[in-house]
Amino acid sequence: MAERKARITVEVAYALPDRQSLVTVELDAGATADTAIMHSGLLENYPDIDLAVNPVGVFGRRCTLDTVLAQGDRVEIYRPLEMDPREARRLLAARGRTMGRDED
């Protein structure tokens, strides 16, 4: 009788300014971030995702596509930054503002 391969359940997330997608997938143990993304269907739903450009991470920590996942991990596909955060802070400081402070 064939031995059953262990399975893990992970989530794959991608967010745009106006909506977020969170997909749960079940994979063989030892699966990578790349495998989870491919099985999630997000690449078909969001053709703007380019894994050669978009960084990925697990629970907010950047990783590579060949990172092996564990039970319960959340793979996140990040959008490219529109502006370098340091430059954004400089521009806000020049206007007398700080990040996180509401406009008056």
PDB file of N, CA and C in Angstrom:
ATOM      1  N   MET A   1       0.837  -1.173   0.000  1.00  0.00           N
ATOM      2  CA  MET A   1       0.000   0.000   0.000  1.00  0.00           C
ATOM      3  C   MET A   1       0.892   1.250   0.000  1.00  0.00           C
ATOM      4  N   ALA A   2       0.527   2.236  -0.817  1.00  0.00           N
ATOM      5  CA  ALA A   2       1.320   3.458  -0.951  1.00  0.00           C
ATOM      6  C   ALA A   2       1.183   4.320   0.298  1.00  0.00           C
ATOM      7  N   GLU A   3       2.301   4.906   0.698  1.00  0.00           N
ATOM      8  CA  GLU A   3       2.299   5.791   1.864  1.00  0.00           C
ATOM      9  C   GLU A   3       1.768   7.155   1.462  1.00  0.00           C
ATOM     10  N   ARG A   4       0.875   7.700   2.293  1.00  0.00           N
ATOM     11  CA  ARG A   4       0.321   9.036   2.015  1.00  0.00           C
ATOM     12  C   ARG A   4       1.361  10.091   2.311  1.00  0.00           C
ATOM     13  N   LYS A   5       1.485  11.034   1.397  1.00  0.00           N
ATOM     14  CA  LYS A   5       2.420  12.134   1.578  1.00  0.00           C
ATOM     15  C   LYS A   5       1.793  13.180   2.498  1.00  0.00           C
ATOM     16  N   ALA A   6       2.585  13.717   3.407  1.00  0.00           N
ATOM     17  CA  ALA A   6       2.094  14.754   4.327  1.00  0.00           C
ATOM     18  C   ALA A   6       1.677  15.980   3.533  1.00  0.00           C
ATOM     19  N   ARG A   7       0.638  16.652   4.015  1.00  0.00           N
ATOM     20  CA  ARG A   7       0.108  17.846   3.357  1.00  0.00           C
ATOM     21  C   ARG A   7       0.169  19.031   4.322  1.00  0.00           C
ATOM     22  N   ILE A   8       0.279  20.224   3.760  1.00  0.00           N
ATOM     23  CA  ILE A   8       0.234  21.455   4.545  1.00  0.00           C
ATOM     24  C   ILE A   8      -0.799  22.384   3.927  1.00  0.00           C
ATOM     25  N   THR A   9      -1.338  23.263   4.738  1.00  0.00           N
ATOM     26  CA  THR A   9      -2.264  24.288   4.266  1.00  0.00           C
ATOM     27  C   THR A   9      -1.607  25.638   4.490  1.00  0.00           C
ATOM     28  N   VAL A  10      -1.561  26.449   3.423  1.00  0.00           N
ATOM     29  CA  VAL A  10      -0.975  27.784   3.503  1.00  0.00           C
ATOM     30  C   VAL A  10      -1.923  28.764   2.813  1.00  0.00           C
ATOM     31  N   GLU A  11      -1.702  30.048   3.056  1.00  0.00           N
ATOM     32  CA  GLU A  11      -2.472  31.095   2.401  1.00  0.00           C
ATOM     33  C   GLU A  11      -1.543  31.873   1.478  1.00  0.00           C
ATOM     34  N   VAL A  12      -2.113  32.398   0.400  1.00  0.00           N
ATOM     35  CA  VAL A  12      -1.380  33.268  -0.522  1.00  0.00           C
ATOM     36  C   VAL A  12      -2.165  34.565  -0.610  1.00  0.00           C
ATOM     37  N   ALA A  13      -1.488  35.690  -0.387  1.00  0.00           N
ATOM     38  CA  ALA A  13      -2.151  36.994  -0.346  1.00  0.00           C
ATOM     39  C   ALA A  13      -1.566  37.955  -1.368  1.00  0.00           C
ATOM     40  N   TYR A  14      -2.453  38.770  -1.938  1.00  0.00           N
ATOM     41  CA  TYR A  14      -2.052  39.865  -2.825  1.00  0.00           C
ATOM     42  C   TYR A  14      -3.050  40.985  -2.612  1.00  0.00           C
ATOM     43  N   ALA A  15      -2.556  42.205  -2.467  1.00  0.00           N
ATOM     44  CA  ALA A  15      -3.450  43.335  -2.191  1.00  0.00           C
ATOM     45  C   ALA A  15      -3.173  44.486  -3.142  1.00  0.00           C
ATOM     46  N   LEU A  16      -4.250  45.094  -3.567  1.00  0.00           N
ATOM     47  CA  LEU A  16      -4.215  46.341  -4.323  1.00  0.00           C
ATOM     48  C   LEU A  16      -4.782  47.416  -3.406  1.00  0.00           C
ATOM     49  N   PRO A  17      -4.641  48.680  -3.755  1.00  0.00           N
ATOM     50  CA  PRO A  17      -5.170  49.727  -2.875  1.00  0.00           C
ATOM     51  C   PRO A  17      -6.662  49.569  -2.556  1.00  0.00           C
ATOM     52  N   ASP A  18      -7.429  49.007  -3.502  1.00  0.00           N
ATOM     53  CA  ASP A  18      -8.876  48.932  -3.310  1.00  0.00           C
ATOM     54  C   ASP A  18      -9.420  47.541  -3.004  1.00  0.00           C
ATOM     55  N   ARG A  19      -8.567  46.502  -3.035  1.00  0.00           N
ATOM     56  CA  ARG A  19      -9.053  45.161  -2.710  1.00  0.00           C
ATOM     57  C   ARG A  19      -7.907  44.225  -2.374  1.00  0.00           C
ATOM     58  N   GLN A  20      -8.254  43.138  -1.697  1.00  0.00           N
ATOM     59  CA  GLN A  20      -7.259  42.151  -1.280  1.00  0.00           C
ATOM     60  C   GLN A  20      -7.773  40.763  -1.634  1.00  0.00           C
ATOM     61  N   SER A  21      -6.871  39.897  -2.044  1.00  0.00           N
ATOM     62  CA  SER A  21      -7.212  38.505  -2.292  1.00  0.00           C
ATOM     63  C   SER A  21      -6.391  37.634  -1.360  1.00  0.00           C
ATOM     64  N   LEU A  22      -7.067  36.704  -0.713  1.00  0.00           N
ATOM     65  CA  LEU A  22      -6.428  35.761   0.194  1.00  0.00           C
ATOM     66  C   LEU A  22      -6.963  34.381  -0.159  1.00  0.00           C
ATOM     67  N   VAL A  23      -6.066  33.510  -0.637  1.00  0.00           N
ATOM     68  CA  VAL A  23      -6.457  32.193  -1.119  1.00  0.00           C
ATOM     69  C   VAL A  23      -5.769  31.130  -0.267  1.00  0.00           C
ATOM     70  N   THR A  24      -6.543  30.153   0.184  1.00  0.00           N
ATOM     71  CA  THR A  24      -5.989  29.035   0.940  1.00  0.00           C
ATOM     72  C   THR A  24      -5.737  27.885  -0.020  1.00  0.00           C
ATOM     73  N   VAL A  25      -4.530  27.303   0.057  1.00  0.00           N
ATOM     74  CA  VAL A  25      -4.184  26.158  -0.797  1.00  0.00           C
ATOM     75  C   VAL A  25      -3.615  25.034   0.064  1.00  0.00           C
ATOM     76  N   GLU A  26      -3.848  23.814  -0.376  1.00  0.00           N
ATOM     77  CA  GLU A  26      -3.288  22.644   0.287  1.00  0.00           C
ATOM     78  C   GLU A  26      -2.239  22.057  -0.637  1.00  0.00           C
ATOM     79  N   LEU A  27      -1.049  21.843  -0.089  1.00  0.00           N
ATOM     80  CA  LEU A  27       0.104  21.404  -0.878  1.00  0.00           C
ATOM     81  C   LEU A  27       0.805  20.244  -0.191  1.00  0.00           C
ATOM     82  N   ASP A  28       1.652  19.555  -0.939  1.00  0.00           N
ATOM     83  CA  ASP A  28       2.502  18.534  -0.332  1.00  0.00           C
ATOM     84  C   ASP A  28       3.513  19.210   0.583  1.00  0.00           C
ATOM     85  N   ALA A  29       3.830  18.571   1.688  1.00  0.00           N
ATOM     86  CA  ALA A  29       4.878  19.084   2.578  1.00  0.00           C
ATOM     87  C   ALA A  29       6.152  19.234   1.760  1.00  0.00           C
ATOM     88  N   GLY A  30       6.898  20.293   2.025  1.00  0.00           N
ATOM     89  CA  GLY A  30       8.109  20.579   1.266  1.00  0.00           C
ATOM     90  C   GLY A  30       7.870  21.504   0.085  1.00  0.00           C
ATOM     91  N   ALA A  31       6.620  21.953  -0.091  1.00  0.00           N
ATOM     92  CA  ALA A  31       6.287  22.864  -1.191  1.00  0.00           C
ATOM     93  C   ALA A  31       6.945  24.219  -0.968  1.00  0.00           C
ATOM     94  N   THR A  32       7.179  24.918  -2.059  1.00  0.00           N
ATOM     95  CA  THR A  32       7.845  26.222  -2.005  1.00  0.00           C
ATOM     96  C   THR A  32       6.837  27.364  -2.188  1.00  0.00           C
ATOM     97  N   ALA A  33       7.309  28.584  -1.950  1.00  0.00           N
ATOM     98  CA  ALA A  33       6.480  29.772  -2.152  1.00  0.00           C
ATOM     99  C   ALA A  33       5.991  29.836  -3.595  1.00  0.00           C
ATOM    100  N   ASP A  34       6.858  29.516  -4.535  1.00  0.00           N
ATOM    101  CA  ASP A  34       6.502  29.517  -5.949  1.00  0.00           C
ATOM    102  C   ASP A  34       5.348  28.550  -6.220  1.00  0.00           C
ATOM    103  N   THR A  35       5.415  27.350  -5.659  1.00  0.00           N
ATOM    104  CA  THR A  35       4.366  26.350  -5.850  1.00  0.00           C
ATOM    105  C   THR A  35       3.040  26.854  -5.287  1.00  0.00           C
ATOM    106  N   ALA A  36       3.073  27.460  -4.112  1.00  0.00           N
ATOM    107  CA  ALA A  36       1.854  27.983  -3.500  1.00  0.00           C
ATOM    108  C   ALA A  36       1.228  29.066  -4.380  1.00  0.00           C
ATOM    109  N   ILE A  37       2.054  29.963  -4.897  1.00  0.00           N
ATOM    110  CA  ILE A  37       1.550  31.039  -5.757  1.00  0.00           C
ATOM    111  C   ILE A  37       0.929  30.457  -7.017  1.00  0.00           C
ATOM    112  N   MET A  38       1.602  29.490  -7.633  1.00  0.00           N
ATOM    113  CA  MET A  38       1.082  28.869  -8.855  1.00  0.00           C
ATOM    114  C   MET A  38      -0.269  28.186  -8.599  1.00  0.00           C
ATOM    115  N   HIS A  39      -0.406  27.516  -7.464  1.00  0.00           N
ATOM    116  CA  HIS A  39      -1.649  26.816  -7.146  1.00  0.00           C
ATOM    117  C   HIS A  39      -2.771  27.753  -6.683  1.00  0.00           C
ATOM    118  N   SER A  40      -2.440  28.962  -6.300  1.00  0.00           N
ATOM    119  CA  SER A  40      -3.439  29.898  -5.770  1.00  0.00           C
ATOM    120  C   SER A  40      -4.372  30.456  -6.839  1.00  0.00           C
ATOM    121  N   GLY A  41      -3.926  30.502  -8.083  1.00  0.00           N
ATOM    122  CA  GLY A  41      -4.714  31.101  -9.150  1.00  0.00           C
ATOM    123  C   GLY A  41      -4.584  32.615  -9.231  1.00  0.00           C
ATOM    124  N   LEU A  42      -3.792  33.209  -8.341  1.00  0.00           N
ATOM    125  CA  LEU A  42      -3.671  34.675  -8.334  1.00  0.00           C
ATOM    126  C   LEU A  42      -2.988  35.209  -9.590  1.00  0.00           C
ATOM    127  N   LEU A  43      -2.083  34.439 -10.176  1.00  0.00           N
ATOM    128  CA  LEU A  43      -1.406  34.911 -11.392  1.00  0.00           C
ATOM    129  C   LEU A  43      -2.402  35.055 -12.543  1.00  0.00           C
ATOM    130  N   GLU A  44      -3.410  34.189 -12.577  1.00  0.00           N
ATOM    131  CA  GLU A  44      -4.433  34.298 -13.616  1.00  0.00           C
ATOM    132  C   GLU A  44      -5.377  35.461 -13.329  1.00  0.00           C
ATOM    133  N   ASN A  45      -5.689  35.688 -12.058  1.00  0.00           N
ATOM    134  CA  ASN A  45      -6.618  36.760 -11.681  1.00  0.00           C
ATOM    135  C   ASN A  45      -5.985  38.142 -11.732  1.00  0.00           C
ATOM    136  N   TYR A  46      -4.681  38.213 -11.575  1.00  0.00           N
ATOM    137  CA  TYR A  46      -3.952  39.492 -11.570  1.00  0.00           C
ATOM    138  C   TYR A  46      -2.794  39.405 -12.561  1.00  0.00           C
ATOM    139  N   PRO A  47      -3.066  39.633 -13.851  1.00  0.00           N
ATOM    140  CA  PRO A  47      -1.999  39.511 -14.850  1.00  0.00           C
ATOM    141  C   PRO A  47      -0.866  40.525 -14.671  1.00  0.00           C
ATOM    142  N   ASP A  48      -1.059  41.544 -13.829  1.00  0.00           N
ATOM    143  CA  ASP A  48      -0.010  42.528 -13.572  1.00  0.00           C
ATOM    144  C   ASP A  48       1.086  41.966 -12.665  1.00  0.00           C
ATOM    145  N   ILE A  49       0.844  40.829 -12.008  1.00  0.00           N
ATOM    146  CA  ILE A  49       1.871  40.230 -11.153  1.00  0.00           C
ATOM    147  C   ILE A  49       2.948  39.626 -12.042  1.00  0.00           C
ATOM    148  N   ASP A  50       4.176  40.020 -11.801  1.00  0.00           N
ATOM    149  CA  ASP A  50       5.339  39.472 -12.507  1.00  0.00           C
ATOM    150  C   ASP A  50       6.322  39.020 -11.435  1.00  0.00           C
ATOM    151  N   LEU A  51       6.443  37.721 -11.244  1.00  0.00           N
ATOM    152  CA  LEU A  51       7.287  37.212 -10.167  1.00  0.00           C
ATOM    153  C   LEU A  51       8.777  37.503 -10.379  1.00  0.00           C
ATOM    154  N   ALA A  52       9.138  37.977 -11.554  1.00  0.00           N
ATOM    155  CA  ALA A  52      10.514  38.432 -11.773  1.00  0.00           C
ATOM    156  C   ALA A  52      10.703  39.841 -11.220  1.00  0.00           C
ATOM    157  N   VAL A  53       9.581  40.546 -10.987  1.00  0.00           N
ATOM    158  CA  VAL A  53       9.615  41.930 -10.503  1.00  0.00           C
ATOM    159  C   VAL A  53       9.046  42.056  -9.096  1.00  0.00           C
ATOM    160  N   ASN A  54       7.879  41.445  -8.866  1.00  0.00           N
ATOM    161  CA  ASN A  54       7.210  41.557  -7.567  1.00  0.00           C
ATOM    162  C   ASN A  54       7.933  40.727  -6.515  1.00  0.00           C
ATOM    163  N   PRO A  55       8.377  41.350  -5.434  1.00  0.00           N
ATOM    164  CA  PRO A  55       8.982  40.566  -4.357  1.00  0.00           C
ATOM    165  C   PRO A  55       7.910  39.760  -3.627  1.00  0.00           C
ATOM    166  N   VAL A  56       8.330  38.719  -2.939  1.00  0.00           N
ATOM    167  CA  VAL A  56       7.418  37.903  -2.143  1.00  0.00           C
ATOM    168  C   VAL A  56       7.981  37.759  -0.738  1.00  0.00           C
ATOM    169  N   GLY A  57       7.107  37.371   0.191  1.00  0.00           N
ATOM    170  CA  GLY A  57       7.533  37.172   1.563  1.00  0.00           C
ATOM    171  C   GLY A  57       6.604  36.201   2.266  1.00  0.00           C
ATOM    172  N   VAL A  58       6.992  35.822   3.459  1.00  0.00           N
ATOM    173  CA  VAL A  58       6.168  34.986   4.317  1.00  0.00           C
ATOM    174  C   VAL A  58       5.988  35.761   5.619  1.00  0.00           C
ATOM    175  N   PHE A  59       4.749  36.080   5.939  1.00  0.00           N
ATOM    176  CA  PHE A  59       4.418  36.858   7.133  1.00  0.00           C
ATOM    177  C   PHE A  59       5.257  38.134   7.242  1.00  0.00           C
ATOM    178  N   GLY A  60       5.363  38.875   6.140  1.00  0.00           N
ATOM    179  CA  GLY A  60       6.030  40.164   6.158  1.00  0.00           C
ATOM    180  C   GLY A  60       7.547  40.136   6.057  1.00  0.00           C
ATOM    181  N   ARG A  61       8.126  38.966   5.936  1.00  0.00           N
ATOM    182  CA  ARG A  61       9.582  38.857   5.780  1.00  0.00           C
ATOM    183  C   ARG A  61       9.892  38.389   4.373  1.00  0.00           C
ATOM    184  N   ARG A  62      10.660  39.198   3.646  1.00  0.00           N
ATOM    185  CA  ARG A  62      10.974  38.842   2.268  1.00  0.00           C
ATOM    186  C   ARG A  62      11.656  37.490   2.203  1.00  0.00           C
ATOM    187  N   CYS A  63      11.333  36.768   1.135  1.00  0.00           N
ATOM    188  CA  CYS A  63      11.934  35.462   0.907  1.00  0.00           C
ATOM    189  C   CYS A  63      12.084  35.255  -0.596  1.00  0.00           C
ATOM    190  N   THR A  64      12.689  34.154  -0.961  1.00  0.00           N
ATOM    191  CA  THR A  64      12.827  33.808  -2.373  1.00  0.00           C
ATOM    192  C   THR A  64      11.712  32.838  -2.748  1.00  0.00           C
ATOM    193  N   LEU A  65      11.506  32.674  -4.040  1.00  0.00           N
ATOM    194  CA  LEU A  65      10.451  31.783  -4.513  1.00  0.00           C
ATOM    195  C   LEU A  65      10.708  30.328  -4.154  1.00  0.00           C
ATOM    196  N   ASP A  66      11.961  29.973  -3.884  1.00  0.00           N
ATOM    197  CA  ASP A  66      12.273  28.573  -3.545  1.00  0.00           C
ATOM    198  C   ASP A  66      12.260  28.314  -2.034  1.00  0.00           C
ATOM    199  N   THR A  67      11.750  29.270  -1.260  1.00  0.00           N
ATOM    200  CA  THR A  67      11.631  29.079   0.187  1.00  0.00           C
ATOM    201  C   THR A  67      10.619  27.975   0.479  1.00  0.00           C
ATOM    202  N   VAL A  68      11.022  27.011   1.292  1.00  0.00           N
ATOM    203  CA  VAL A  68      10.134  25.913   1.674  1.00  0.00           C
ATOM    204  C   VAL A  68       9.170  26.404   2.751  1.00  0.00           C
ATOM    205  N   LEU A  69       7.903  26.091   2.557  1.00  0.00           N
ATOM    206  CA  LEU A  69       6.851  26.577   3.449  1.00  0.00           C
ATOM    207  C   LEU A  69       6.532  25.582   4.558  1.00  0.00           C
ATOM    208  N   ALA A  70       5.964  26.103   5.635  1.00  0.00           N
ATOM    209  CA  ALA A  70       5.517  25.294   6.768  1.00  0.00           C
ATOM    210  C   ALA A  70       4.010  25.432   6.904  1.00  0.00           C
ATOM    211  N   GLN A  71       3.416  24.507   7.618  1.00  0.00           N
ATOM    212  CA  GLN A  71       1.980  24.538   7.884  1.00  0.00           C
ATOM    213  C   GLN A  71       1.565  25.910   8.422  1.00  0.00           C
ATOM    214  N   GLY A  72       0.528  26.495   7.803  1.00  0.00           N
ATOM    215  CA  GLY A  72      -0.024  27.754   8.287  1.00  0.00           C
ATOM    216  C   GLY A  72       0.665  29.008   7.790  1.00  0.00           C
ATOM    217  N   ASP A  73       1.721  28.889   6.982  1.00  0.00           N
ATOM    218  CA  ASP A  73       2.403  30.081   6.466  1.00  0.00           C
ATOM    219  C   ASP A  73       1.463  30.900   5.582  1.00  0.00           C
ATOM    220  N   ARG A  74       1.748  32.210   5.490  1.00  0.00           N
ATOM    221  CA  ARG A  74       1.036  33.096   4.564  1.00  0.00           C
ATOM    222  C   ARG A  74       2.075  33.691   3.619  1.00  0.00           C
ATOM    223  N   VAL A  75       1.980  33.314   2.352  1.00  0.00           N
ATOM    224  CA  VAL A  75       2.857  33.853   1.315  1.00  0.00           C
ATOM    225  C   VAL A  75       2.234  35.147   0.827  1.00  0.00           C
ATOM    226  N   GLU A  76       3.028  36.215   0.786  1.00  0.00           N
ATOM    227  CA  GLU A  76       2.526  37.524   0.370  1.00  0.00           C
ATOM    228  C   GLU A  76       3.264  37.957  -0.895  1.00  0.00           C
ATOM    229  N   ILE A  77       2.504  38.396  -1.871  1.00  0.00           N
ATOM    230  CA  ILE A  77       3.072  38.942  -3.102  1.00  0.00           C
ATOM    231  C   ILE A  77       2.989  40.452  -2.967  1.00  0.00           C
ATOM    232  N   TYR A  78       4.135  41.111  -3.026  1.00  0.00           N
ATOM    233  CA  TYR A  78       4.177  42.560  -2.819  1.00  0.00           C
ATOM    234  C   TYR A  78       4.160  43.302  -4.149  1.00  0.00           C
ATOM    235  N   ARG A  79       3.548  44.474  -4.124  1.00  0.00           N
ATOM    236  CA  ARG A  79       3.574  45.351  -5.292  1.00  0.00           C
ATOM    237  C   ARG A  79       4.863  46.160  -5.251  1.00  0.00           C
ATOM    238  N   PRO A  80       5.388  46.531  -6.421  1.00  0.00           N
ATOM    239  CA  PRO A  80       6.570  47.400  -6.421  1.00  0.00           C
ATOM    240  C   PRO A  80       6.242  48.732  -5.757  1.00  0.00           C
ATOM    241  N   LEU A  81       7.203  49.300  -5.052  1.00  0.00           N
ATOM    242  CA  LEU A  81       6.999  50.596  -4.406  1.00  0.00           C
ATOM    243  C   LEU A  81       6.841  51.684  -5.454  1.00  0.00           C
ATOM    244  N   GLU A  82       5.912  52.593  -5.195  1.00  0.00           N
ATOM    245  CA  GLU A  82       5.732  53.725  -6.099  1.00  0.00           C
ATOM    246  C   GLU A  82       6.803  54.782  -5.852  1.00  0.00           C
ATOM    247  N   MET A  83       7.291  54.831  -4.606  1.00  0.00           N
ATOM    248  CA  MET A  83       8.305  55.809  -4.240  1.00  0.00           C
ATOM    249  C   MET A  83       9.152  55.230  -3.114  1.00  0.00           C
ATOM    250  N   ASP A  84      10.423  55.505  -3.147  1.00  0.00           N
ATOM    251  CA  ASP A  84      11.318  55.075  -2.080  1.00  0.00           C
ATOM    252  C   ASP A  84      10.847  55.699  -0.764  1.00  0.00           C
ATOM    253  N   PRO A  85      10.683  54.899   0.293  1.00  0.00           N
ATOM    254  CA  PRO A  85      10.185  55.438   1.566  1.00  0.00           C
ATOM    255  C   PRO A  85      11.038  56.587   2.117  1.00  0.00           C
ATOM    256  N   ARG A  86      12.339  56.523   1.898  1.00  0.00           N
ATOM    257  CA  ARG A  86      13.204  57.619   2.377  1.00  0.00           C
ATOM    258  C   ARG A  86      12.879  58.914   1.649  1.00  0.00           C
ATOM    259  N   GLU A  87      12.639  58.810   0.342  1.00  0.00           N
ATOM    260  CA  GLU A  87      12.288  59.996  -0.437  1.00  0.00           C
ATOM    261  C   GLU A  87      10.920  60.533   0.002  1.00  0.00           C
ATOM    262  N   ALA A  88       9.975  59.644   0.286  1.00  0.00           N
ATOM    263  CA  ALA A  88       8.653  60.080   0.752  1.00  0.00           C
ATOM    264  C   ALA A  88       8.778  60.847   2.069  1.00  0.00           C
ATOM    265  N   ARG A  89       9.614  60.349   2.983  1.00  0.00           N
ATOM    266  CA  ARG A  89       9.813  61.045   4.263  1.00  0.00           C
ATOM    267  C   ARG A  89      10.448  62.415   4.046  1.00  0.00           C
ATOM    268  N   ARG A  90      11.413  62.499   3.125  1.00  0.00           N
ATOM    269  CA  ARG A  90      12.046  63.787   2.838  1.00  0.00           C
ATOM    270  C   ARG A  90      11.030  64.794   2.309  1.00  0.00           C
ATOM    271  N   LEU A  91      10.169  64.340   1.396  1.00  0.00           N
ATOM    272  CA  LEU A  91       9.158  65.247   0.832  1.00  0.00           C
ATOM    273  C   LEU A  91       8.169  65.704   1.904  1.00  0.00           C
ATOM    274  N   LEU A  92       7.753  64.788   2.762  1.00  0.00           N
ATOM    275  CA  LEU A  92       6.840  65.161   3.842  1.00  0.00           C
ATOM    276  C   LEU A  92       7.508  66.135   4.811  1.00  0.00           C
ATOM    277  N   ALA A  93       8.757  65.881   5.156  1.00  0.00           N
ATOM    278  CA  ALA A  93       9.477  66.766   6.076  1.00  0.00           C
ATOM    279  C   ALA A  93       9.608  68.164   5.487  1.00  0.00           C
ATOM    280  N   ALA A  94       9.816  68.239   4.181  1.00  0.00           N
ATOM    281  CA  ALA A  94       9.936  69.540   3.528  1.00  0.00           C
ATOM    282  C   ALA A  94       8.634  70.327   3.630  1.00  0.00           C
ATOM    283  N   ARG A  95       7.519  69.609   3.772  1.00  0.00           N
ATOM    284  CA  ARG A  95       6.210  70.272   3.923  1.00  0.00           C
ATOM    285  C   ARG A  95       5.788  70.358   5.384  1.00  0.00           C
ATOM    286  N   GLY A  96       6.677  69.998   6.302  1.00  0.00           N
ATOM    287  CA  GLY A  96       6.366  70.089   7.714  1.00  0.00           C
ATOM    288  C   GLY A  96       5.460  68.965   8.209  1.00  0.00           C
ATOM    289  N   ARG A  97       5.466  67.861   7.540  1.00  0.00           N
ATOM    290  CA  ARG A  97       4.606  66.721   7.902  1.00  0.00           C
ATOM    291  C   ARG A  97       5.467  65.509   8.263  1.00  0.00           C
ATOM    292  N   THR A  98       4.824  64.503   8.856  1.00  0.00           N
ATOM    293  CA  THR A  98       5.498  63.237   9.120  1.00  0.00           C
ATOM    294  C   THR A  98       4.620  62.098   8.621  1.00  0.00           C
ATOM    295  N   MET A  99       5.192  60.942   8.409  1.00  0.00           N
ATOM    296  CA  MET A  99       4.419  59.786   7.974  1.00  0.00           C
ATOM    297  C   MET A  99       3.439  59.393   9.072  1.00  0.00           C
ATOM    298  N   GLY A 100       2.199  59.072   8.684  1.00  0.00           N
ATOM    299  CA  GLY A 100       1.195  58.672   9.636  1.00  0.00           C
ATOM    300  C   GLY A 100       0.389  59.806  10.225  1.00  0.00           C
ATOM    301  N   ARG A 101       0.727  61.023   9.883  1.00  0.00           N
ATOM    302  CA  ARG A 101       0.006  62.182  10.398  1.00  0.00           C
ATOM    303  C   ARG A 101      -1.028  62.615   9.375  1.00  0.00           C
ATOM    304  N   ASP A 102      -2.255  62.801   9.806  1.00  0.00           N
ATOM    305  CA  ASP A 102      -3.340  63.202   8.908  1.00  0.00           C
ATOM    306  C   ASP A 102      -3.112  64.618   8.394  1.00  0.00           C
ATOM    307  N   GLU A 103      -3.616  64.820   7.171  1.00  0.00           N
ATOM    308  CA  GLU A 103      -3.574  66.165   6.603  1.00  0.00           C
ATOM    309  C   GLU A 103      -4.547  67.065   7.362  1.00  0.00           C
ATOM    310  N   ASP A 104      -4.170  68.293   7.577  1.00  0.00           N
ATOM    311  CA  ASP A 104      -5.063  69.259   8.267  1.00  0.00           C
ATOM    312  C   ASP A 104      -6.027  69.874   7.287  1.00  0.00           C
TER     313      ASP A 104
END
